[in-house]
C-alpha atoms as a PDB file:
ATOM      1  CA  MET A   1     -20.151   9.154  68.022  1.00  0.00           C
ATOM      2  CA  SER A   2     -20.657   7.746  71.388  1.00  0.00           C
ATOM      3  CA  ALA A   3     -19.014   4.864  73.093  1.00  0.00           C
ATOM      4  CA  LYS A   4     -18.203   1.613  71.458  1.00  0.00           C
ATOM      5  CA  GLY A   5     -21.495  -0.796  71.391  1.00  0.00           C
ATOM      6  CA  SER A   6     -23.703   2.318  72.097  1.00  0.00           C
ATOM      7  CA  CYS A   7     -27.127   1.795  70.827  1.00  0.00           C
ATOM      8  CA  HIS A   8     -27.108   5.529  69.732  1.00  0.00           C
ATOM      9  CA  ASP A   9     -24.705   4.904  66.846  1.00  0.00           C
ATOM     10  CA  ASN A  10     -27.265   2.775  65.304  1.00  0.00           C
ATOM     11  CA  ALA A  11     -30.669   3.993  66.593  1.00  0.00           C
ATOM     12  CA  MET A  12     -32.605   3.100  63.520  1.00  0.00           C
ATOM     13  CA  VAL A  13     -31.148  -0.346  63.272  1.00  0.00           C
ATOM     14  CA  GLU A  14     -31.856  -1.096  66.649  1.00  0.00           C
ATOM     15  CA  ILE A  15     -35.227   0.226  66.310  1.00  0.00           C
ATOM     16  CA  VAL A  16     -35.839  -2.444  63.466  1.00  0.00           C
ATOM     17  CA  PHE A  17     -34.119  -5.187  65.453  1.00  0.00           C
ATOM     18  CA  LYS A  18     -36.473  -4.370  68.554  1.00  0.00           C
ATOM     19  CA  THR A  19     -39.538  -4.132  66.567  1.00  0.00           C
ATOM     20  CA  ILE A  20     -38.834  -7.778  64.605  1.00  0.00           C
ATOM     21  CA  LYS A  21     -38.139  -9.147  68.040  1.00  0.00           C
ATOM     22  CA  SER A  22     -41.324  -8.051  69.861  1.00  0.00           C
ATOM     23  CA  GLU A  23     -43.434  -8.493  66.835  1.00  0.00           C
ATOM     24  CA  MET A  24     -42.153 -12.032  65.698  1.00  0.00           C
ATOM     25  CA  VAL A  25     -39.390 -13.472  67.739  1.00  0.00           C
ATOM     26  CA  TRP A  26     -40.493 -13.146  71.484  1.00  0.00           C
ATOM     27  CA  CYS A  27     -43.880 -14.497  70.759  1.00  0.00           C
ATOM     28  CA  THR A  28     -43.036 -17.455  68.724  1.00  0.00           C
ATOM     29  CA  SER A  29     -41.225 -20.915  70.121  1.00  0.00           C
ATOM     30  CA  PHE A  30     -38.905 -22.607  67.189  1.00  0.00           C
ATOM     31  CA  GLN A  31     -38.022 -26.116  67.196  1.00  0.00           C
ATOM     32  CA  THR A  32     -34.697 -25.477  65.255  1.00  0.00           C
ATOM     33  CA  ARG A  33     -32.358 -22.625  64.364  1.00  0.00           C
ATOM     34  CA  VAL A  34     -33.151 -23.556  60.611  1.00  0.00           C
ATOM     35  CA  ILE A  35     -36.897 -23.230  61.202  1.00  0.00           C
ATOM     36  CA  ALA A  36     -36.150 -19.706  62.929  1.00  0.00           C
ATOM     37  CA  GLU A  37     -33.999 -18.527  60.249  1.00  0.00           C
ATOM     38  CA  LYS A  38     -36.901 -19.411  57.449  1.00  0.00           C
ATOM     39  CA  ALA A  39     -39.531 -17.921  59.532  1.00  0.00           C
ATOM     40  CA  LEU A  40     -37.473 -14.623  60.238  1.00  0.00           C
ATOM     41  CA  GLY A  41     -36.670 -14.429  56.538  1.00  0.00           C
ATOM     42  CA  ARG A  42     -40.311 -14.820  55.538  1.00  0.00           C
ATOM     43  CA  TYR A  43     -41.342 -12.307  58.192  1.00  0.00           C
ATOM     44  CA  ILE A  44     -39.010  -9.716  56.848  1.00  0.00           C
ATOM     45  CA  ASP A  45     -39.764 -10.493  53.086  1.00  0.00           C
ATOM     46  CA  GLY A  46     -43.049 -11.050  53.251  1.00  0.00           C
ATOM     47  CA  PHE A  47     -44.567  -8.670  55.893  1.00  0.00           C
ATOM     48  CA  TYR A  48     -42.070  -6.325  57.634  1.00  0.00           C
ATOM     49  CA  ASN A  49     -40.461  -4.785  54.213  1.00  0.00           C
ATOM     50  CA  PRO A  50     -43.258  -4.853  52.095  1.00  0.00           C
ATOM     51  CA  ILE A  51     -46.528  -4.339  53.963  1.00  0.00           C
ATOM     52  CA  ARG A  52     -45.915  -3.068  57.508  1.00  0.00           C
ATOM     53  CA  ARG A  53     -46.418   0.596  58.148  1.00  0.00           C
ATOM     54  CA  HIS A  54     -43.283   2.379  59.017  1.00  0.00           C
ATOM     55  CA  SER A  55     -43.208   5.731  60.825  1.00  0.00           C
ATOM     56  CA  ALA A  56     -40.397   6.958  59.142  1.00  0.00           C
ATOM     57  CA  LEU A  57     -42.643   6.603  55.979  1.00  0.00           C
ATOM     58  CA  GLY A  58     -45.395   8.558  57.487  1.00  0.00           C
ATOM     59  CA  TYR A  59     -47.111   5.383  58.617  1.00  0.00           C
ATOM     60  CA  LYS A  60     -47.241   3.915  55.141  1.00  0.00           C
ATOM     61  CA  SER A  61     -46.266   0.866  54.004  1.00  0.00           C
ATOM     62  CA  PRO A  62     -43.287   0.903  51.630  1.00  0.00           C
ATOM     63  CA  ILE A  63     -45.195  -0.293  48.575  1.00  0.00           C
ATOM     64  CA  ALA A  64     -47.858   2.458  49.212  1.00  0.00           C
ATOM     65  CA  PHE A  65     -45.174   5.037  49.946  1.00  0.00           C
ATOM     66  CA  GLU A  66     -43.245   4.222  46.575  1.00  0.00           C
ATOM     67  CA  ALA A  67     -46.517   4.225  44.781  1.00  0.00           C
ATOM     68  CA  ASN A  68     -47.319   7.657  45.884  1.00  0.00           C
ATOM     69  CA  ASN A  69     -43.790   8.749  45.119  1.00  0.00           C
ATOM     70  CA  ARG A  70     -43.748   7.259  41.570  1.00  0.00           C
ATOM     71  CA  SER A  71     -46.669   9.184  40.664  1.00  0.00           C
ATOM     72  CA  ARG A  72     -45.207  12.647  41.264  1.00  0.00           C
END
């Protein structure tokens, strides 16, 4: 473990947060916090988790990755 607050302790989580910020948060202007929270939830549940291709899964979407591994 490195020093407190070091990104190296949570490298995978930091990558997820950076990706979400660069793909959705930084390029969007929200009127209220509630609107931002709802939009972020839709992005994570509707795109990031089920559809977006992830390098850790061999550049497959989680749905495709699970479908390929169920048939084995």
